[in-house]
Amino acid sequence: MQILAFSTPQDVDEARVLQSHHELRARVFSDRLGWDVNVIDGCEADGFDGLGPTYVFAIASSGQLAGCARLLPASGPTMLVNVFPSLLPSGYLDAHAAMIESSRFCVDTTLGEGKGVGSVHEVTLTMFAGIIEWSIANGFREIITVTDLRFERILARVGWPLARLGEPKKIGVTMAVAGTLPASSEIFHKLRPADYQSKFTTNSARPRKEHP
């Protein structure tokens, strides 16, 4: 399974992947999870997609999109600060230049490839490894995210536990929690599946330089 990452599609194949990712988001977040998200013509998108994020995709050997996530520097507008500040004890995030936010993480569990026999889908592990590898390559060492308690348990199970920033709270139909995850070579090598491959193109979310 291959990881692909870009901000703006550079050819028709990348444009197709980006379109498929918006469709997968609609199926997962609206149809399956019942979240209150904006879906138009079978595609889910929000204002954060207009901020030049980097998208990380897991591509199956068949060429189908298997998973996706969205990355934005924590120093700018983020879902945690601008949409879910109630998950922060003070409503404030102490962001730094080497911190990035991961949002809209989802996998297509209907695909046969990657199911394996374990308790965690291989696509999920591939996505974890892809997010970590891209983050390291672009100077980020810490990932913030908002997730639910079920997914928090998955992170703990695979050995990438979430460090909570506050207590879980009910948001819509979900018990949500915010936290941070380390981006390190050690974690990358621990989570990376045997058939993992990566192909990075546009790297648009480089951290800003910190001044003394």
Protein backbone atom coordinates (compact mmCIF):
# COMPACT_ATOMS: atom_id res chain seq x y z
CA MET A 1 0.00 0.00 0.00
CA GLN A 2 1.36 3.42 -0.96
CA ILE A 3 1.16 6.78 0.79
CA LEU A 4 0.70 9.85 -1.37
CA ALA A 5 0.77 13.41 -0.02
CA PHE A 6 0.14 16.74 -1.74
CA SER A 7 -1.53 20.08 -1.26
CA THR A 8 -2.63 20.98 -4.80
CA PRO A 9 -3.18 18.28 -7.45
CA GLN A 10 -0.47 18.34 -10.10
CA ASP A 11 -2.17 16.07 -12.66
CA VAL A 12 -5.48 14.36 -13.43
CA ASP A 13 -4.60 11.33 -11.30
CA GLU A 14 -4.03 13.47 -8.22
CA ALA A 15 -7.23 15.41 -8.97
CA ARG A 16 -9.10 12.10 -9.07
CA VAL A 17 -7.61 11.08 -5.72
CA LEU A 18 -8.60 14.41 -4.16
CA GLN A 19 -12.16 14.03 -5.46
CA SER A 20 -12.35 10.47 -4.13
CA HIS A 21 -11.17 11.66 -0.73
CA HIS A 22 -14.03 14.18 -0.45
CA GLU A 23 -16.46 11.39 -1.40
CA LEU A 24 -14.96 9.05 1.22
CA ARG A 25 -15.27 11.76 3.86
CA ALA A 26 -18.97 12.11 3.04
CA ARG A 27 -19.57 8.36 3.30
CA VAL A 28 -17.69 8.03 6.59
CA PHE A 29 -18.54 11.21 8.49
CA SER A 30 -22.08 11.86 7.25
CA ASP A 31 -23.48 8.48 6.22
CA ARG A 32 -21.76 6.13 8.70
CA LEU A 33 -20.98 8.29 11.74
CA GLY A 34 -23.90 10.71 11.44
CA TRP A 35 -21.81 13.84 11.98
CA ASP A 36 -23.27 17.25 11.17
CA VAL A 37 -21.00 18.03 8.21
CA ASN A 38 -21.50 19.86 4.93
CA VAL A 39 -22.10 17.43 2.05
CA ILE A 40 -22.76 18.67 -1.49
CA ASP A 41 -23.11 16.32 -4.46
CA GLY A 42 -21.77 13.42 -2.41
CA CYS A 43 -18.64 15.28 -1.26
CA GLU A 44 -17.77 16.57 2.23
CA ALA A 45 -15.71 19.73 2.60
CA ASP A 46 -15.34 22.64 5.00
CA GLY A 47 -13.57 25.98 5.30
CA PHE A 48 -10.30 24.39 6.38
CA ASP A 49 -9.97 22.80 2.94
CA GLY A 50 -9.54 26.32 1.59
CA LEU A 51 -6.46 27.04 3.73
CA GLY A 52 -3.97 25.10 1.60
CA PRO A 53 -3.70 21.95 3.73
CA THR A 54 -1.57 18.98 2.86
CA TYR A 55 -3.60 15.82 2.30
CA VAL A 56 -2.21 12.38 3.07
CA PHE A 57 -3.71 9.44 1.17
CA ALA A 58 -3.33 5.67 1.38
CA ILE A 59 -3.64 4.12 -2.09
CA ALA A 60 -4.41 0.40 -2.45
CA SER A 61 -2.63 -1.75 -5.03
CA SER A 62 -5.81 -1.56 -7.11
CA GLY A 63 -5.38 2.22 -7.32
CA GLN A 64 -8.40 2.88 -5.10
CA LEU A 65 -8.29 5.37 -2.27
CA ALA A 66 -8.10 3.47 1.02
CA GLY A 67 -7.64 6.26 3.56
CA CYS A 68 -7.04 9.97 3.97
CA ALA A 69 -6.24 12.75 6.42
CA ARG A 70 -5.73 16.52 6.34
CA LEU A 71 -2.76 18.37 7.84
CA LEU A 72 -2.56 22.07 8.77
CA PRO A 73 0.05 23.93 10.85
CA ALA A 74 -1.15 24.44 14.41
CA SER A 75 0.04 28.05 14.30
CA GLY A 76 -2.83 29.00 11.99
CA PRO A 77 -6.58 28.33 12.09
CA THR A 78 -7.23 24.77 13.27
CA MET A 79 -10.31 22.70 13.98
CA LEU A 80 -9.28 22.32 17.61
CA VAL A 81 -8.93 26.03 18.34
CA ASN A 82 -11.56 27.44 15.99
CA VAL A 83 -14.26 24.74 16.14
CA PHE A 84 -13.65 22.71 19.31
CA PRO A 85 -12.07 25.12 21.86
CA SER A 86 -14.25 23.58 24.59
CA LEU A 87 -11.93 20.55 24.47
CA LEU A 88 -9.08 22.75 25.76
CA PRO A 89 -9.19 23.51 29.50
CA SER A 90 -8.35 27.17 28.87
CA GLY A 91 -9.75 27.38 25.35
CA TYR A 92 -6.18 28.15 24.26
CA LEU A 93 -3.60 25.99 22.48
CA ASP A 94 0.08 26.58 23.20
CA ALA A 95 1.07 25.96 19.59
CA HIS A 96 4.64 26.01 18.31
CA ALA A 97 6.19 25.99 14.85
CA ALA A 98 6.87 22.23 14.90
CA MET A 99 3.25 21.31 15.70
CA ILE A 100 0.73 20.28 13.05
CA GLU A 101 -2.95 19.38 13.24
CA SER A 102 -4.35 16.20 11.72
CA SER A 103 -8.07 16.22 10.96
CA ARG A 104 -10.65 14.43 8.81
CA PHE A 105 -8.86 11.08 9.28
CA CYS A 106 -10.82 8.20 7.76
CA VAL A 107 -10.33 4.84 6.08
CA ASP A 108 -12.44 2.86 3.64
CA THR A 109 -13.02 -0.32 5.63
CA THR A 110 -15.11 -1.79 2.79
CA LEU A 111 -11.98 -2.53 0.78
CA GLY A 112 -10.76 -6.10 1.06
CA GLU A 113 -7.10 -5.12 0.91
CA GLY A 114 -5.45 -4.53 4.25
CA LYS A 115 -8.04 -6.15 6.49
CA GLY A 116 -5.71 -8.92 7.58
CA VAL A 117 -6.35 -10.86 10.75
CA GLY A 118 -5.38 -8.27 13.35
CA SER A 119 -7.63 -6.00 15.36
CA VAL A 120 -6.43 -2.82 13.59
CA HIS A 121 -6.96 -2.37 9.86
CA GLU A 122 -3.68 -2.20 7.91
CA VAL A 123 -4.93 0.95 6.14
CA THR A 124 -5.12 2.63 9.54
CA LEU A 125 -1.51 1.70 10.34
CA THR A 126 -0.42 2.82 6.86
CA MET A 127 -2.10 6.19 7.41
CA PHE A 128 -0.50 6.57 10.84
CA ALA A 129 2.94 5.86 9.35
CA GLY A 130 2.32 8.21 6.42
CA ILE A 131 1.28 11.10 8.65
CA ILE A 132 4.34 10.57 10.86
CA GLU A 133 6.78 10.25 7.95
CA TRP A 134 5.46 13.37 6.22
CA SER A 135 5.55 15.31 9.49
CA ILE A 136 9.17 14.33 10.19
CA ALA A 137 10.21 15.15 6.62
CA ASN A 138 8.71 18.63 6.94
CA GLY A 139 10.09 19.53 10.36
CA PHE A 140 7.06 18.75 12.52
CA ARG A 141 7.56 16.73 15.70
CA GLU A 142 4.16 16.97 17.36
CA ILE A 143 0.67 16.28 16.01
CA ILE A 144 -2.53 17.60 17.55
CA THR A 145 -5.89 16.09 16.80
CA VAL A 146 -9.50 15.86 17.90
CA THR A 147 -10.85 12.33 17.95
CA ASP A 148 -13.38 10.10 19.71
CA LEU A 149 -12.85 7.65 22.56
CA ARG A 150 -13.01 4.61 20.27
CA PHE A 151 -10.18 5.93 18.13
CA GLU A 152 -8.22 6.95 21.21
CA ARG A 153 -8.30 3.28 22.24
CA ILE A 154 -7.00 2.25 18.81
CA LEU A 155 -4.06 4.65 19.18
CA ALA A 156 -3.23 3.17 22.57
CA ARG A 157 -3.55 -0.39 21.24
CA VAL A 158 -0.96 0.15 18.48
CA GLY A 159 1.50 1.88 20.81
CA TRP A 160 0.92 5.51 19.80
CA PRO A 161 -1.08 6.77 22.79
CA LEU A 162 -2.77 10.15 22.77
CA ALA A 163 -1.64 12.64 25.43
CA ARG A 164 -4.91 14.30 26.35
CA LEU A 165 -5.12 18.08 26.47
CA GLY A 166 -8.38 17.99 28.43
CA GLU A 167 -11.25 15.78 29.47
CA PRO A 168 -13.59 14.21 26.85
CA LYS A 169 -16.80 16.07 26.08
CA LYS A 170 -19.97 15.21 24.21
CA ILE A 171 -20.02 17.02 20.87
CA GLY A 172 -23.01 16.13 18.72
CA VAL A 173 -23.24 12.35 18.68
CA THR A 174 -19.57 11.86 19.66
CA MET A 175 -17.60 11.76 22.89
CA ALA A 176 -14.65 13.82 21.66
CA VAL A 177 -11.20 14.36 23.10
CA ALA A 178 -8.23 16.48 22.02
CA GLY A 179 -4.61 15.48 22.42
CA THR A 180 -1.12 15.35 21.03
CA LEU A 181 0.88 12.59 19.38
CA PRO A 182 4.67 12.47 18.89
CA ALA A 183 6.11 12.33 15.37
CA SER A 184 9.35 10.36 15.65
CA SER A 185 11.35 7.85 13.64
CA GLU A 186 10.94 5.32 16.43
CA ILE A 187 7.13 5.47 16.27
CA PHE A 188 7.20 5.46 12.46
CA HIS A 189 9.22 2.25 12.29
CA LYS A 190 7.03 0.61 14.94
CA LEU A 191 3.77 1.33 13.10
CA ARG A 192 4.86 0.99 9.46
CA PRO A 193 3.36 -2.12 7.78
CA ALA A 194 5.69 -4.43 5.86
CA ASP A 195 4.40 -3.35 2.43
CA TYR A 196 4.49 0.38 3.23
CA GLN A 197 5.64 2.73 0.46
CA SER A 198 5.47 6.51 0.23
CA LYS A 199 5.47 9.13 -2.49
CA PHE A 200 5.45 12.75 -1.40
CA THR A 201 4.89 15.62 -3.83
CA THR A 202 4.00 19.18 -2.81
CA ASN A 203 5.05 20.00 0.76
CA SER A 204 3.15 23.20 1.53
CA ALA A 205 2.78 23.17 5.29
CA ARG A 206 6.35 23.71 6.40
CA PRO A 207 6.67 25.13 9.92
CA ARG A 208 7.36 28.82 10.32
CA LYS A 209 10.76 29.76 11.68
CA GLU A 210 10.82 30.66 15.34
CA HIS A 211 12.64 33.83 16.27
CA PRO A 212 14.37 34.38 19.59
